[in-house]
């Protein structure tokens, strides 16, 4: 079984929004599942949501995530919506 695509995004980023519009189709095209990792810059009032976002952010930082959108496929990192063509190529060829 192939590994899922880890998709890190921020709702407040316009590029994150554009990536949200494309990532599911890209994953489906290559028979991959998605692991969603939302981040937020705005303060959240609900303590449970705030704690979950904090965990996601800490996990992302530990994995080297530094922007939105950020995709990790098979251990390879891709930052930015403009890199989705490279993600597509990676998924199609199995790497460089």
N, C-alpha and C. Protein backbone atom coordinates (compact mmCIF):
# COMPACT_ATOMS: atom_id res chain seq x y z
N UNK A 1 0.85 -1.19 0.00
CA UNK A 1 0.00 0.00 0.00
C UNK A 1 0.88 1.24 0.00
N UNK A 2 0.52 2.23 -0.80
CA UNK A 2 1.30 3.46 -0.87
C UNK A 2 0.97 4.37 0.30
N UNK A 3 1.95 5.17 0.68
CA UNK A 3 1.79 6.09 1.80
C UNK A 3 0.85 7.22 1.42
N UNK A 4 0.15 7.77 2.40
CA UNK A 4 -0.73 8.91 2.11
C UNK A 4 0.09 10.17 1.82
N UNK A 5 -0.57 11.14 1.24
CA UNK A 5 0.01 12.46 1.04
C UNK A 5 -0.29 13.27 2.29
N UNK A 6 0.73 13.82 2.92
CA UNK A 6 0.53 14.71 4.06
C UNK A 6 0.35 16.12 3.54
N UNK A 7 -0.80 16.71 3.82
CA UNK A 7 -1.15 18.02 3.29
C UNK A 7 -1.33 19.02 4.43
N UNK A 8 -0.39 19.95 4.54
CA UNK A 8 -0.42 21.00 5.55
C UNK A 8 -0.94 22.28 4.89
N UNK A 9 -1.92 22.92 5.51
CA UNK A 9 -2.49 24.12 4.92
C UNK A 9 -3.01 25.06 5.99
N UNK A 10 -3.15 26.31 5.63
CA UNK A 10 -3.67 27.34 6.52
C UNK A 10 -4.88 27.97 5.84
N UNK A 11 -6.01 27.96 6.54
CA UNK A 11 -7.23 28.52 5.96
C UNK A 11 -7.10 29.99 5.61
N UNK A 12 -6.22 30.72 6.27
CA UNK A 12 -6.10 32.14 6.01
C UNK A 12 -5.22 32.46 4.80
N UNK A 13 -4.56 31.45 4.25
CA UNK A 13 -3.68 31.66 3.09
C UNK A 13 -4.45 31.49 1.79
N UNK A 14 -4.39 32.47 0.89
CA UNK A 14 -5.07 32.29 -0.40
C UNK A 14 -4.47 31.12 -1.18
N UNK A 15 -3.17 30.89 -1.02
CA UNK A 15 -2.55 29.77 -1.71
C UNK A 15 -3.00 28.45 -1.09
N UNK A 16 -3.21 28.46 0.21
CA UNK A 16 -3.76 27.28 0.86
C UNK A 16 -5.15 26.97 0.32
N UNK A 17 -5.95 28.01 0.10
CA UNK A 17 -7.28 27.81 -0.47
C UNK A 17 -7.18 27.22 -1.88
N UNK A 18 -6.30 27.77 -2.70
CA UNK A 18 -6.13 27.24 -4.06
C UNK A 18 -5.69 25.78 -4.03
N UNK A 19 -4.80 25.47 -3.11
CA UNK A 19 -4.33 24.08 -2.99
C UNK A 19 -5.46 23.16 -2.55
N UNK A 20 -6.33 23.66 -1.66
CA UNK A 20 -7.48 22.86 -1.23
C UNK A 20 -8.36 22.47 -2.41
N UNK A 21 -8.43 23.35 -3.39
CA UNK A 21 -9.25 23.10 -4.58
C UNK A 21 -8.66 22.01 -5.48
N UNK A 22 -7.36 21.73 -5.36
CA UNK A 22 -6.69 20.82 -6.28
C UNK A 22 -6.19 19.52 -5.65
N UNK A 23 -5.91 19.51 -4.36
CA UNK A 23 -5.20 18.39 -3.75
C UNK A 23 -5.99 17.08 -3.80
N UNK A 24 -7.29 17.12 -3.61
CA UNK A 24 -8.06 15.87 -3.65
C UNK A 24 -8.02 15.22 -5.02
N UNK A 25 -8.13 16.02 -6.07
CA UNK A 25 -8.06 15.48 -7.43
C UNK A 25 -6.69 14.90 -7.73
N UNK A 26 -5.66 15.56 -7.25
CA UNK A 26 -4.29 15.09 -7.45
C UNK A 26 -4.08 13.75 -6.73
N UNK A 27 -4.57 13.65 -5.51
CA UNK A 27 -4.46 12.40 -4.76
C UNK A 27 -5.24 11.28 -5.44
N UNK A 28 -6.45 11.58 -5.87
CA UNK A 28 -7.28 10.57 -6.53
C UNK A 28 -6.65 10.09 -7.84
N UNK A 29 -6.07 11.02 -8.58
CA UNK A 29 -5.42 10.68 -9.86
C UNK A 29 -4.34 9.62 -9.67
N UNK A 30 -3.68 9.64 -8.52
CA UNK A 30 -2.58 8.72 -8.26
C UNK A 30 -2.93 7.68 -7.19
N UNK A 31 -4.22 7.50 -6.95
CA UNK A 31 -4.73 6.49 -6.00
C UNK A 31 -4.08 6.61 -4.62
N UNK A 32 -3.95 7.83 -4.15
CA UNK A 32 -3.38 8.10 -2.82
C UNK A 32 -4.46 8.65 -1.91
N UNK A 33 -4.31 8.40 -0.64
CA UNK A 33 -5.17 9.03 0.35
C UNK A 33 -4.48 10.29 0.85
N UNK A 34 -5.23 11.09 1.57
CA UNK A 34 -4.72 12.35 2.12
C UNK A 34 -4.75 12.32 3.63
N UNK A 35 -3.70 12.80 4.24
CA UNK A 35 -3.69 13.10 5.67
C UNK A 35 -3.72 14.62 5.78
N UNK A 36 -4.82 15.15 6.29
CA UNK A 36 -5.04 16.58 6.39
C UNK A 36 -4.39 17.12 7.67
N UNK A 37 -3.67 18.23 7.54
CA UNK A 37 -3.01 18.86 8.68
C UNK A 37 -3.28 20.36 8.64
N UNK A 38 -4.44 20.79 9.18
CA UNK A 38 -4.75 22.23 9.17
C UNK A 38 -3.91 22.99 10.19
N UNK A 39 -3.61 24.21 9.85
CA UNK A 39 -2.93 25.13 10.75
C UNK A 39 -3.76 26.41 10.79
N UNK A 40 -3.56 27.21 11.79
CA UNK A 40 -4.31 28.46 11.88
C UNK A 40 -3.45 29.52 12.53
N UNK A 41 -3.51 30.70 11.97
CA UNK A 41 -2.78 31.83 12.55
C UNK A 41 -3.66 32.58 13.54
N UNK A 42 -4.95 32.49 13.36
CA UNK A 42 -5.88 33.22 14.23
C UNK A 42 -6.10 32.44 15.52
N UNK A 43 -6.37 33.16 16.57
CA UNK A 43 -6.65 32.53 17.86
C UNK A 43 -8.01 31.84 17.80
N UNK A 44 -8.07 30.67 18.40
CA UNK A 44 -9.31 29.90 18.46
C UNK A 44 -9.77 29.89 19.92
N UNK A 45 -11.06 30.13 20.16
CA UNK A 45 -11.58 30.20 21.52
C UNK A 45 -11.80 28.83 22.16
N UNK A 46 -12.15 27.83 21.37
CA UNK A 46 -12.42 26.49 21.91
C UNK A 46 -11.10 25.82 22.31
N UNK A 47 -10.92 25.49 23.59
CA UNK A 47 -9.65 24.90 24.05
C UNK A 47 -9.30 23.60 23.34
N UNK A 48 -10.29 22.77 23.01
CA UNK A 48 -10.01 21.50 22.32
C UNK A 48 -9.48 21.76 20.92
N UNK A 49 -10.07 22.70 20.21
CA UNK A 49 -9.60 23.04 18.86
C UNK A 49 -8.22 23.67 18.94
N UNK A 50 -8.05 24.54 19.89
CA UNK A 50 -6.75 25.19 20.08
C UNK A 50 -5.66 24.15 20.35
N UNK A 51 -5.96 23.16 21.19
CA UNK A 51 -4.99 22.10 21.51
C UNK A 51 -4.69 21.25 20.28
N UNK A 52 -5.71 20.93 19.49
CA UNK A 52 -5.51 20.13 18.28
C UNK A 52 -4.65 20.89 17.27
N UNK A 53 -4.90 22.18 17.10
CA UNK A 53 -4.10 22.99 16.18
C UNK A 53 -2.66 23.10 16.66
N UNK A 54 -2.49 23.21 17.97
CA UNK A 54 -1.15 23.28 18.53
C UNK A 54 -0.38 21.99 18.24
N UNK A 55 -1.04 20.83 18.42
CA UNK A 55 -0.41 19.54 18.11
C UNK A 55 -0.02 19.46 16.64
N UNK A 56 -0.94 19.86 15.76
CA UNK A 56 -0.66 19.82 14.31
C UNK A 56 0.53 20.72 13.97
N UNK A 57 0.54 21.92 14.54
CA UNK A 57 1.65 22.85 14.28
C UNK A 57 2.97 22.29 14.79
N UNK A 58 2.97 21.71 15.98
CA UNK A 58 4.20 21.13 16.52
C UNK A 58 4.68 19.96 15.67
N UNK A 59 3.75 19.13 15.22
CA UNK A 59 4.12 18.01 14.35
C UNK A 59 4.69 18.53 13.03
N UNK A 60 4.06 19.54 12.46
CA UNK A 60 4.56 20.12 11.21
C UNK A 60 5.95 20.70 11.36
N UNK A 61 6.18 21.45 12.43
CA UNK A 61 7.50 22.03 12.67
C UNK A 61 8.54 20.93 12.81
N UNK A 62 8.20 19.85 13.51
CA UNK A 62 9.13 18.73 13.67
C UNK A 62 9.47 18.08 12.34
N UNK A 63 8.55 18.16 11.37
CA UNK A 63 8.78 17.57 10.05
C UNK A 63 9.36 18.55 9.04
N UNK A 64 9.61 19.78 9.49
CA UNK A 64 10.22 20.77 8.61
C UNK A 64 9.24 21.62 7.82
N UNK A 65 7.97 21.55 8.16
CA UNK A 65 6.95 22.35 7.48
C UNK A 65 7.16 23.81 7.85
N UNK A 66 7.13 24.70 6.84
CA UNK A 66 7.35 26.11 7.12
C UNK A 66 6.45 27.04 6.35
N UNK A 67 5.45 26.55 5.67
CA UNK A 67 4.55 27.43 4.93
C UNK A 67 3.29 26.70 4.54
N UNK A 68 2.43 27.40 3.84
CA UNK A 68 1.17 26.83 3.40
C UNK A 68 0.92 27.21 1.94
N UNK A 69 0.58 26.22 1.14
CA UNK A 69 0.45 24.81 1.44
C UNK A 69 1.81 24.10 1.42
N UNK A 70 1.88 23.01 2.13
CA UNK A 70 3.10 22.21 2.23
C UNK A 70 2.70 20.75 2.11
N UNK A 71 3.31 20.04 1.19
CA UNK A 71 2.94 18.66 0.92
C UNK A 71 4.16 17.77 1.13
N UNK A 72 3.96 16.64 1.80
CA UNK A 72 5.02 15.65 1.95
C UNK A 72 4.53 14.36 1.32
N UNK A 73 5.27 13.88 0.31
CA UNK A 73 4.94 12.65 -0.39
C UNK A 73 6.14 11.72 -0.31
N UNK A 74 5.95 10.55 0.27
CA UNK A 74 7.04 9.57 0.37
C UNK A 74 8.30 10.17 0.99
N UNK A 75 8.13 11.07 1.95
CA UNK A 75 9.26 11.70 2.60
C UNK A 75 9.84 12.90 1.87
N UNK A 76 9.36 13.20 0.68
CA UNK A 76 9.83 14.35 -0.11
C UNK A 76 8.92 15.54 0.16
N UNK A 77 9.51 16.70 0.45
CA UNK A 77 8.74 17.90 0.78
C UNK A 77 8.56 18.81 -0.43
N UNK A 78 7.37 19.40 -0.53
CA UNK A 78 7.04 20.36 -1.58
C UNK A 78 6.33 21.53 -0.91
N UNK A 79 6.85 22.74 -1.10
CA UNK A 79 6.24 23.92 -0.49
C UNK A 79 5.68 24.82 -1.56
N UNK A 80 4.42 25.16 -1.43
CA UNK A 80 3.77 26.13 -2.31
C UNK A 80 2.86 25.50 -3.34
N UNK A 81 1.81 26.23 -3.64
CA UNK A 81 0.84 25.78 -4.64
C UNK A 81 1.50 25.65 -6.01
N UNK A 82 2.51 26.49 -6.28
CA UNK A 82 3.19 26.42 -7.58
C UNK A 82 4.03 25.16 -7.73
N UNK A 83 4.15 24.34 -6.71
CA UNK A 83 4.90 23.09 -6.78
C UNK A 83 4.00 21.88 -7.02
N UNK A 84 2.71 22.10 -7.20
CA UNK A 84 1.80 20.98 -7.40
C UNK A 84 2.09 20.19 -8.68
N UNK A 85 2.63 20.85 -9.70
CA UNK A 85 3.02 20.11 -10.91
C UNK A 85 4.16 19.15 -10.58
N UNK A 86 5.06 19.55 -9.68
CA UNK A 86 6.14 18.66 -9.26
C UNK A 86 5.60 17.51 -8.41
N UNK A 87 4.61 17.79 -7.57
CA UNK A 87 3.98 16.73 -6.79
C UNK A 87 3.36 15.71 -7.74
N UNK A 88 2.67 16.21 -8.75
CA UNK A 88 2.04 15.35 -9.75
C UNK A 88 3.10 14.47 -10.43
N UNK A 89 4.21 15.07 -10.82
CA UNK A 89 5.28 14.30 -11.48
C UNK A 89 5.87 13.26 -10.53
N UNK A 90 6.10 13.66 -9.28
CA UNK A 90 6.63 12.72 -8.28
C UNK A 90 5.70 11.51 -8.14
N UNK A 91 4.40 11.80 -8.01
CA UNK A 91 3.44 10.72 -7.86
C UNK A 91 3.35 9.83 -9.09
N UNK A 92 3.51 10.42 -10.26
CA UNK A 92 3.43 9.66 -11.51
C UNK A 92 4.66 8.77 -11.73
N UNK A 93 5.84 9.26 -11.30
CA UNK A 93 7.08 8.53 -11.61
C UNK A 93 7.66 7.79 -10.42
N UNK A 94 7.16 8.05 -9.23
CA UNK A 94 7.71 7.41 -8.05
C UNK A 94 8.96 8.07 -7.53
N UNK A 95 9.22 9.28 -7.91
CA UNK A 95 10.40 10.02 -7.46
C UNK A 95 11.15 10.64 -8.61
N UNK A 96 12.27 11.20 -8.30
CA UNK A 96 13.05 11.86 -9.36
C UNK A 96 13.79 10.84 -10.13
